[in-house]
Amino acid sequence: MYADELAIEPPAAARRLLGATLWSGPVGVRIVEVEAYGGDPAGPWPDPASHSGRGRTKRNAVMFGPAGVLYVYLSYGMHMCVNVTSGPDGTASAVLIRSGEVVAGLETARARRPAARTDADLAKGPGNLGSTLGIALSDYGTRLFDPSAPIRLELNGSAGPDEVVSGPRVGVSTAADVPWRFWLASPAVSVYRRSPRAPQSAVRTE
């Protein structure tokens, strides 16, 4: 099963998703930027910045399930953030899809994101990506490798190690220097912004 390719540690799953295509109806987005997140202290990848960092809740329950399932949450009361669960069943982890390039359904994507200045901006940043794909909270729990699912994930060839850049995750106030953000060279990659609540660091970003 394709989901088995994501039933691995968070950074490896994040890298595997780079270059994959996420489909929602007619719109297809090639993934160019991701962030990996681990789980609770009892698991193999404790991560205080993760939604599952303090254990299972109704909101994050899908993160503890099998890999290849859609985890959607609302950020700042307006943005739908799209995540793909990873790791073995019963172990919490997921990958936030931060940015992508629209490779199909461009007219639909433009209609959903009329404020986008360029096509590269359509799915640049997690909130914009969710809007471009038309993702809703009701899509939570979708099995992305089910051929009949309204939202589907196609794993394409893995990006080579020389193609992938890594750095700190965006906007987290804890574990702010963990280099679990990964991206490919693309104008659709979002700008790094460090949380003002995060401790000062000498770590350089892109």
Protein backbone atom coordinates (compact mmCIF):
# COMPACT_ATOMS: atom_id res chain seq x y z
CA MET A 1 0.00 0.00 0.00
CA TYR A 2 1.12 3.54 -0.72
CA ALA A 3 0.38 4.55 2.87
CA ASP A 4 3.20 2.26 4.00
CA GLU A 5 5.64 4.68 2.36
CA LEU A 6 4.59 7.29 4.93
CA ALA A 7 4.58 4.95 7.95
CA ILE A 8 8.05 6.17 8.85
CA GLU A 9 9.66 8.82 11.05
CA PRO A 10 8.33 12.38 10.53
CA PRO A 11 11.29 13.95 8.65
CA ALA A 12 11.51 11.00 6.24
CA ALA A 13 7.75 11.16 5.61
CA ALA A 14 8.00 14.90 4.99
CA ARG A 15 10.74 14.41 2.42
CA ARG A 16 8.73 11.65 0.74
CA LEU A 17 5.82 14.06 0.25
CA LEU A 18 7.89 16.63 -1.60
CA GLY A 19 7.00 16.42 -5.28
CA ALA A 20 3.78 14.48 -4.58
CA THR A 21 0.49 15.73 -6.00
CA LEU A 22 -2.54 16.45 -3.83
CA TRP A 23 -5.85 16.38 -5.72
CA SER A 24 -9.18 17.90 -4.72
CA GLY A 25 -11.75 17.74 -7.49
CA PRO A 26 -10.22 19.22 -10.64
CA VAL A 27 -7.39 20.99 -8.81
CA GLY A 28 -4.02 19.31 -8.46
CA VAL A 29 -1.19 20.82 -6.42
CA ARG A 30 2.41 19.63 -6.55
CA ILE A 31 3.80 19.80 -3.01
CA VAL A 32 6.94 21.93 -2.69
CA GLU A 33 7.09 22.79 1.02
CA VAL A 34 6.27 20.74 4.12
CA GLU A 35 6.83 20.63 7.89
CA ALA A 36 7.13 17.46 9.96
CA TYR A 37 5.57 17.12 13.40
CA GLY A 38 6.01 14.35 15.95
CA GLY A 39 3.81 13.43 18.89
CA ASP A 40 3.46 13.01 22.62
CA PRO A 41 6.27 12.30 25.13
CA ALA A 42 5.34 8.60 25.29
CA GLY A 43 6.03 8.14 21.59
CA PRO A 44 9.32 7.84 19.69
CA TRP A 45 9.22 11.45 18.41
CA PRO A 46 8.18 13.75 21.28
CA ASP A 47 7.44 17.17 19.87
CA PRO A 48 6.09 20.02 22.03
CA ALA A 49 5.26 22.03 18.90
CA SER A 50 2.91 19.33 17.62
CA HIS A 51 -0.86 19.30 18.14
CA SER A 52 -0.38 15.82 19.59
CA GLY A 53 2.48 16.93 21.84
CA ARG A 54 0.33 16.65 24.98
CA GLY A 55 -1.50 13.48 24.05
CA ARG A 56 -4.63 12.41 22.23
CA THR A 57 -7.66 14.69 21.99
CA LYS A 58 -10.79 14.71 19.84
CA ARG A 59 -9.12 17.28 17.59
CA ASN A 60 -5.86 15.41 16.98
CA ALA A 61 -7.12 11.80 17.18
CA VAL A 62 -6.46 11.12 13.50
CA MET A 63 -2.74 11.83 14.08
CA PHE A 64 -2.59 8.61 16.13
CA GLY A 65 -4.08 6.52 13.35
CA PRO A 66 -2.58 5.03 10.21
CA ALA A 67 -0.50 7.00 7.74
CA GLY A 68 -1.99 8.65 4.67
CA VAL A 69 -5.05 10.21 6.30
CA LEU A 70 -6.06 13.87 6.04
CA TYR A 71 -5.78 15.94 9.22
CA VAL A 72 -7.47 19.34 8.79
CA TYR A 73 -7.66 22.11 11.35
CA LEU A 74 -8.72 25.74 11.38
CA SER A 75 -5.94 28.26 12.05
CA TYR A 76 -6.66 31.78 13.35
CA GLY A 77 -10.35 31.14 12.81
CA MET A 78 -10.08 31.40 9.03
CA HIS A 79 -7.38 29.22 7.41
CA MET A 80 -7.79 25.51 6.68
CA CYS A 81 -4.46 23.82 7.25
CA VAL A 82 -3.85 20.53 5.47
CA ASN A 83 -1.81 17.73 7.02
CA VAL A 84 -1.04 14.14 6.05
CA THR A 85 -0.67 11.64 8.88
CA SER A 86 2.53 9.63 9.03
CA GLY A 87 4.24 7.03 11.17
CA PRO A 88 2.93 3.59 12.16
CA ASP A 89 -0.66 3.14 13.31
CA GLY A 90 -0.97 4.15 16.96
CA THR A 91 2.00 6.53 16.93
CA ALA A 92 1.25 10.22 16.51
CA SER A 93 2.90 12.22 13.75
CA ALA A 94 1.88 14.21 10.69
CA VAL A 95 3.23 16.44 7.96
CA LEU A 96 1.85 19.94 7.38
CA ILE A 97 1.60 20.77 3.67
CA ARG A 98 2.80 24.37 3.56
CA SER A 99 2.94 25.23 -0.14
CA GLY A 100 2.49 23.85 -3.61
CA GLU A 101 2.34 24.61 -7.31
CA VAL A 102 -1.00 24.32 -9.10
CA VAL A 103 -0.50 21.78 -11.90
CA ALA A 104 -4.16 21.20 -12.86
CA GLY A 105 -7.46 23.03 -12.53
CA LEU A 106 -5.83 26.44 -12.76
CA GLU A 107 -9.04 28.32 -13.57
CA THR A 108 -10.83 26.79 -10.57
CA ALA A 109 -7.86 27.64 -8.37
CA ARG A 110 -7.88 31.25 -9.57
CA ALA A 111 -11.61 31.51 -8.88
CA ARG A 112 -11.06 30.26 -5.33
CA ARG A 113 -8.14 32.63 -4.75
CA PRO A 114 -8.96 35.84 -6.68
CA ALA A 115 -6.64 37.89 -4.45
CA ALA A 116 -3.56 35.92 -5.55
CA ARG A 117 -1.25 38.23 -7.49
CA THR A 118 0.44 35.43 -9.47
CA ASP A 119 -0.16 31.74 -10.08
CA ALA A 120 2.82 30.99 -7.81
CA ASP A 121 0.91 32.68 -4.97
CA LEU A 122 -2.20 30.53 -5.32
CA ALA A 123 -1.06 27.80 -2.91
CA LYS A 124 1.82 29.63 -1.24
CA GLY A 125 1.47 29.13 2.50
CA PRO A 126 -0.76 26.61 4.31
CA GLY A 127 -3.90 28.75 4.44
CA ASN A 128 -3.74 29.61 0.75
CA LEU A 129 -3.10 25.98 -0.13
CA GLY A 130 -6.21 24.91 1.78
CA SER A 131 -8.29 27.56 0.00
CA THR A 132 -6.97 26.66 -3.43
CA LEU A 133 -7.88 23.01 -2.88
CA GLY A 134 -11.27 23.90 -1.40
CA ILE A 135 -10.54 21.89 1.76
CA ALA A 136 -13.14 21.99 4.58
CA LEU A 137 -13.20 20.73 8.16
CA SER A 138 -15.63 18.05 6.99
CA ASP A 139 -12.74 16.52 4.99
CA TYR A 140 -11.01 15.55 8.25
CA GLY A 141 -10.18 11.84 8.25
CA THR A 142 -10.24 11.35 4.47
CA ARG A 143 -8.11 8.37 3.44
CA LEU A 144 -5.96 9.95 0.79
CA PHE A 145 -5.01 6.74 -1.04
CA ASP A 146 -8.61 5.60 -1.49
CA PRO A 147 -9.28 5.92 -5.25
CA SER A 148 -12.88 6.94 -4.56
CA ALA A 149 -11.99 9.69 -2.06
CA PRO A 150 -12.76 13.30 -3.04
CA ILE A 151 -9.24 14.28 -1.98
CA ARG A 152 -6.40 12.06 -3.13
CA LEU A 153 -2.64 11.93 -2.80
CA GLU A 154 -0.32 10.70 -5.54
CA LEU A 155 3.22 9.89 -4.44
CA ASN A 156 5.50 10.66 -7.35
CA GLY A 157 9.22 9.91 -7.49
CA SER A 158 11.12 10.98 -4.39
CA ALA A 159 13.13 14.21 -4.60
CA GLY A 160 16.87 13.66 -4.59
CA PRO A 161 18.80 14.64 -1.45
CA ASP A 162 20.52 17.46 -3.33
CA GLU A 163 17.14 18.97 -4.26
CA VAL A 164 15.78 19.26 -0.72
CA VAL A 165 16.54 22.19 1.57
CA SER A 166 15.76 22.11 5.29
CA GLY A 167 15.43 24.64 8.08
CA PRO A 168 13.41 25.57 11.20
CA ARG A 169 9.64 25.35 11.19
CA VAL A 170 7.63 28.53 10.70
CA GLY A 171 5.88 30.36 13.53
CA VAL A 172 6.30 27.80 16.33
CA SER A 173 7.26 29.12 19.76
CA THR A 174 8.59 25.83 21.14
CA ALA A 175 11.16 23.57 19.49
CA ALA A 176 11.62 26.53 17.14
CA ASP A 177 15.06 25.48 15.91
CA VAL A 178 14.19 21.88 15.00
CA PRO A 179 15.04 21.71 11.26
CA TRP A 180 11.90 19.85 10.21
CA ARG A 181 10.78 22.20 7.45
CA PHE A 182 11.70 20.94 4.00
CA TRP A 183 11.27 22.52 0.59
CA LEU A 184 12.20 22.38 -3.08
CA ALA A 185 13.35 25.26 -5.24
CA SER A 186 10.11 26.96 -6.29
CA PRO A 187 8.59 30.46 -6.33
CA ALA A 188 5.65 28.95 -4.42
CA VAL A 189 7.70 28.33 -1.26
CA SER A 190 6.59 30.58 1.60
CA VAL A 191 8.79 33.05 3.47
CA TYR A 192 10.31 31.91 6.79
CA ARG A 193 8.93 33.80 9.78
CA ARG A 194 10.14 33.03 13.27
CA SER A 195 7.62 33.32 16.10
CA PRO A 196 8.26 36.41 18.25
CA ARG A 197 7.58 34.16 21.25
CA ALA A 198 10.40 31.77 20.34
CA PRO A 199 13.76 32.13 22.13
CA GLN A 200 16.43 34.00 20.23
CA SER A 201 18.69 31.77 18.18
CA ALA A 202 21.79 32.01 16.08
CA VAL A 203 20.49 29.35 13.68
CA ARG A 204 20.52 30.63 10.13
CA THR A 205 17.61 30.09 7.76
CA GLU A 206 17.47 30.30 3.99
